Amino acid sequence: MEDTRKDKELVEAFKGGEEAAYVELVRRYTEKVHRLALRITRNESDTEEILQDVFITVHTKIGTFQGKSAFSSWLYRITANTSFMKLRQRKKHSAISIDDVNQGSRDNGWLTDRSDTCDINYMSSRHELRRELEEAVGKLPEEYKKIFILRDVDGLSNQEVGEVLNLSVPAVKSRLHRSRLMLRKKLQRYYEDYRSQDQIHYGMNPFARTACMQYAA
């Protein structure tokens, strides 16, 4: 039977020793945590490790959650911090290969499939676009990358992003604007070389179109 209790009730029950409440929180948020971690790391192996680490942290530190913000915001904060820590660790060892980038882009939904994949010109331009987008976002300073991914990629509201990162809404808006300007600058030259509307629109979800049209135009 599905547990219909609200997050707040589950948290309180878990704090009181009800392990089933923790299991329900894990079930309820596994997909969301996985999606956010994958968007940040673009690496399935890292994401699986992060998923485990996040819920271990929830289990051991639930007593520190004071309920001043939503449980989901607290969980997103843990996920974002754990994911960026994993990125910093990975950066110390090796650069991301183009195969990792390509697989990550497909897994996290930045680009979608198109039926006529035999179109060599299309495939070539799509791979170049994917690489440019990944590299541009990846080169954003961490504090701006967090804002951009949470707000423009994962679709959280300004209020939710503020709760996740302990920032005021005006601060979120300011950093988001700055991140968009930086991304626009990074994509400007590429966009000028690929102005064809067919190349820009086919096979992309709204984020990819926005990245090329809004940030680079």
Protein backbone atom coordinates (compact mmCIF):
# COMPACT_ATOMS: atom_id res chain seq x y z
CA MET A 1 0.00 0.00 0.00
CA GLU A 2 1.30 3.43 -0.96
CA ASP A 3 2.32 5.66 1.94
CA THR A 4 0.33 8.87 1.57
CA ARG A 5 1.95 10.77 4.42
CA LYS A 6 3.52 14.13 3.63
CA ASP A 7 7.30 14.52 3.67
CA LYS A 8 7.18 16.37 6.97
CA GLU A 9 5.27 13.52 8.59
CA LEU A 10 7.68 10.94 7.20
CA VAL A 11 10.67 12.92 8.46
CA GLU A 12 9.22 13.13 11.95
CA ALA A 13 8.38 9.43 11.91
CA PHE A 14 11.91 8.59 10.78
CA LYS A 15 13.39 10.77 13.50
CA GLY A 16 11.25 8.78 15.92
CA GLY A 17 12.84 5.54 14.76
CA GLU A 18 10.43 4.35 12.06
CA GLU A 19 12.68 2.84 9.44
CA ALA A 20 9.77 2.37 7.04
CA ALA A 21 9.44 6.16 6.83
CA TYR A 22 13.05 6.38 5.64
CA VAL A 23 12.40 3.68 3.04
CA GLU A 24 9.45 5.68 1.74
CA LEU A 25 11.52 8.88 1.50
CA VAL A 26 14.16 6.96 -0.47
CA ARG A 27 11.50 5.54 -2.79
CA ARG A 28 9.90 8.95 -3.24
CA TYR A 29 13.10 10.82 -4.10
CA THR A 30 15.48 8.31 -5.70
CA GLU A 31 14.60 9.33 -9.26
CA LYS A 32 14.87 13.07 -8.53
CA VAL A 33 18.23 12.70 -6.78
CA HIS A 34 19.52 10.52 -9.60
CA ARG A 35 18.40 13.01 -12.24
CA LEU A 36 20.00 16.00 -10.55
CA ALA A 37 23.27 14.17 -9.88
CA LEU A 38 23.44 12.98 -13.49
CA ARG A 39 22.81 16.47 -14.84
CA ILE A 40 25.71 17.78 -12.75
CA THR A 41 28.25 14.98 -13.24
CA ARG A 42 27.19 13.65 -16.68
CA ASN A 43 28.53 10.30 -15.55
CA GLU A 44 26.33 7.32 -14.67
CA SER A 45 28.94 5.60 -12.50
CA ASP A 46 29.51 8.74 -10.43
CA THR A 47 25.76 9.25 -10.19
CA GLU A 48 25.21 5.80 -8.69
CA GLU A 49 27.85 6.51 -6.05
CA ILE A 50 26.33 9.90 -5.31
CA LEU A 51 22.88 8.36 -4.96
CA GLN A 52 24.17 6.01 -2.29
CA ASP A 53 26.14 8.73 -0.51
CA VAL A 54 23.18 11.11 -0.47
CA PHE A 55 20.80 8.68 1.19
CA ILE A 56 23.47 7.52 3.63
CA THR A 57 23.86 11.18 4.58
CA VAL A 58 20.10 11.53 4.98
CA HIS A 59 20.03 8.46 7.21
CA THR A 60 22.87 9.59 9.45
CA LYS A 61 22.09 13.32 9.58
CA ILE A 62 18.29 13.45 9.58
CA GLY A 63 18.53 14.75 13.14
CA THR A 64 20.18 17.94 11.84
CA PHE A 65 17.24 18.74 9.57
CA GLN A 66 15.30 21.43 11.40
CA GLY A 67 12.41 21.77 8.98
CA LYS A 68 12.97 25.45 8.25
CA SER A 69 12.80 24.62 4.54
CA ALA A 70 11.15 21.75 2.68
CA PHE A 71 12.74 18.32 3.02
CA SER A 72 13.15 18.26 -0.76
CA SER A 73 15.23 21.45 -0.63
CA TRP A 74 17.47 19.98 2.06
CA LEU A 75 17.84 16.81 0.00
CA TYR A 76 18.66 18.79 -3.16
CA ARG A 77 21.31 20.72 -1.24
CA ILE A 78 22.96 17.48 -0.13
CA THR A 79 22.77 16.13 -3.68
CA ALA A 80 24.23 19.25 -5.27
CA ASN A 81 27.07 19.47 -2.75
CA THR A 82 27.89 15.76 -3.09
CA SER A 83 27.79 15.97 -6.87
CA PHE A 84 30.09 18.96 -7.12
CA MET A 85 32.48 17.35 -4.65
CA LYS A 86 32.58 14.32 -6.96
CA LEU A 87 33.31 16.61 -9.92
CA ARG A 88 36.20 18.24 -8.10
CA GLN A 89 37.62 14.83 -7.23
CA ARG A 90 37.29 13.64 -10.81
CA LYS A 91 38.90 16.80 -12.18
CA LYS A 92 42.01 16.05 -10.15
CA HIS A 93 42.45 12.71 -11.88
CA SER A 94 41.46 13.03 -15.50
CA ALA A 95 39.50 15.00 -18.08
CA ILE A 96 36.13 13.77 -19.31
CA SER A 97 36.42 11.80 -22.55
CA ILE A 98 34.22 12.61 -25.52
CA ASP A 99 32.51 9.22 -25.05
CA ASP A 100 31.57 10.20 -21.50
CA VAL A 101 30.18 13.50 -22.76
CA ASN A 102 28.15 11.87 -25.50
CA GLN A 103 26.70 9.21 -23.19
CA GLY A 104 25.97 11.74 -20.46
CA SER A 105 24.14 14.02 -22.84
CA ARG A 106 21.87 11.21 -23.94
CA ASP A 107 21.28 9.92 -20.40
CA ASN A 108 20.45 13.26 -18.82
CA GLY A 109 18.09 14.37 -21.56
CA TRP A 110 19.92 17.44 -22.88
CA LEU A 111 19.50 16.10 -26.40
CA THR A 112 16.76 13.85 -27.73
CA ASP A 113 16.71 11.26 -30.46
CA ARG A 114 15.77 11.91 -34.08
CA SER A 115 14.52 9.19 -36.39
CA ASP A 116 16.76 9.94 -39.40
CA THR A 117 20.02 9.23 -37.61
CA CYS A 118 21.60 8.20 -40.90
CA ASP A 119 21.82 11.87 -41.86
CA ILE A 120 25.57 12.35 -41.59
CA ASN A 121 25.46 16.14 -41.69
CA TYR A 122 22.85 16.25 -38.96
CA MET A 123 24.72 13.80 -36.76
CA SER A 124 27.95 15.71 -37.17
CA SER A 125 26.38 19.04 -36.25
CA ARG A 126 24.54 17.50 -33.31
CA HIS A 127 27.74 16.03 -31.87
CA GLU A 128 29.48 19.38 -32.24
CA LEU A 129 26.57 21.18 -30.60
CA ARG A 130 26.50 18.68 -27.76
CA ARG A 131 30.20 19.08 -27.19
CA GLU A 132 29.97 22.87 -27.22
CA LEU A 133 27.06 22.91 -24.78
CA GLU A 134 28.70 20.48 -22.40
CA GLU A 135 31.99 22.33 -22.45
CA ALA A 136 30.39 25.73 -22.04
CA VAL A 137 28.34 24.69 -19.03
CA GLY A 138 31.24 22.70 -17.62
CA LYS A 139 33.50 25.77 -17.68
CA LEU A 140 31.15 27.96 -15.69
CA PRO A 141 32.49 28.77 -12.20
CA GLU A 142 31.00 26.35 -9.69
CA GLU A 143 28.75 28.87 -7.94
CA TYR A 144 27.21 29.85 -11.29
CA LYS A 145 27.09 26.30 -12.61
CA LYS A 146 25.01 25.27 -9.59
CA ILE A 147 22.52 28.04 -10.22
CA PHE A 148 22.30 27.34 -13.95
CA ILE A 149 21.80 23.59 -13.62
CA LEU A 150 19.26 23.84 -10.82
CA ARG A 151 17.28 26.66 -12.41
CA ASP A 152 17.58 26.34 -16.20
CA VAL A 153 18.29 22.63 -16.59
CA ASP A 154 16.47 20.96 -13.70
CA GLY A 155 13.65 23.50 -13.70
CA LEU A 156 13.53 24.53 -10.04
CA SER A 157 11.97 27.89 -9.24
CA ASN A 158 14.07 30.80 -7.97
CA GLN A 159 12.61 30.21 -4.51
CA GLU A 160 13.50 26.52 -4.57
CA VAL A 161 17.03 27.21 -5.78
CA GLY A 162 17.43 29.74 -2.99
CA GLU A 163 16.35 27.16 -0.43
CA VAL A 164 18.72 24.56 -1.84
CA LEU A 165 21.74 26.88 -1.87
CA ASN A 166 20.86 29.07 1.12
CA LEU A 167 20.59 32.17 -1.04
CA SER A 168 18.03 34.93 -1.25
CA VAL A 169 15.82 35.07 -4.35
CA PRO A 170 17.53 38.31 -5.53
CA ALA A 171 20.91 36.58 -5.18
CA VAL A 172 19.66 33.63 -7.22
CA LYS A 173 18.38 35.94 -9.95
CA SER A 174 21.65 37.88 -10.01
CA ARG A 175 23.83 34.77 -10.30
CA LEU A 176 21.51 33.20 -12.84
CA HIS A 177 21.73 36.31 -15.00
CA ARG A 178 25.50 36.25 -14.69
CA SER A 179 25.69 32.56 -15.59
CA ARG A 180 23.56 33.15 -18.69
CA LEU A 181 25.79 36.01 -19.78
CA MET A 182 28.90 33.86 -19.37
CA LEU A 183 27.30 30.99 -21.29
CA ARG A 184 26.16 33.36 -24.02
CA LYS A 185 29.71 34.65 -24.42
CA LYS A 186 31.12 31.14 -24.61
CA LEU A 187 28.60 30.07 -27.26
CA GLN A 188 28.67 33.23 -29.36
CA ARG A 189 31.30 32.19 -31.88
CA TYR A 190 29.87 28.71 -32.29
CA TYR A 191 26.37 30.09 -32.83
CA GLU A 192 27.58 32.44 -35.55
CA ASP A 193 29.05 29.47 -37.44
CA TYR A 194 25.84 27.44 -37.16
CA ARG A 195 22.93 29.79 -37.79
CA SER A 196 20.87 27.28 -39.77
CA GLN A 197 17.51 26.95 -38.04
CA ASP A 198 17.32 23.27 -39.02
CA GLN A 199 20.62 22.53 -37.33
CA ILE A 200 19.65 24.41 -34.21
CA HIS A 201 16.18 22.98 -33.68
CA TYR A 202 16.22 19.34 -34.72
CA GLY A 203 16.71 16.75 -32.00
CA MET A 204 17.00 19.17 -29.07
CA ASN A 205 14.92 19.64 -25.96
CA PRO A 206 14.01 23.19 -24.82
CA PHE A 207 17.23 23.59 -22.81
CA ALA A 208 19.45 22.97 -25.82
CA ARG A 209 17.44 25.36 -27.97
CA THR A 210 17.56 27.96 -25.23
CA ALA A 211 21.29 27.56 -24.84
CA CYS A 212 21.88 28.21 -28.53
CA MET A 213 19.14 30.73 -29.28
CA GLN A 214 18.87 32.73 -26.07
CA TYR A 215 22.36 32.57 -24.62
CA ALA A 216 24.31 32.73 -27.86
CA ALA A 217 22.08 34.94 -29.98
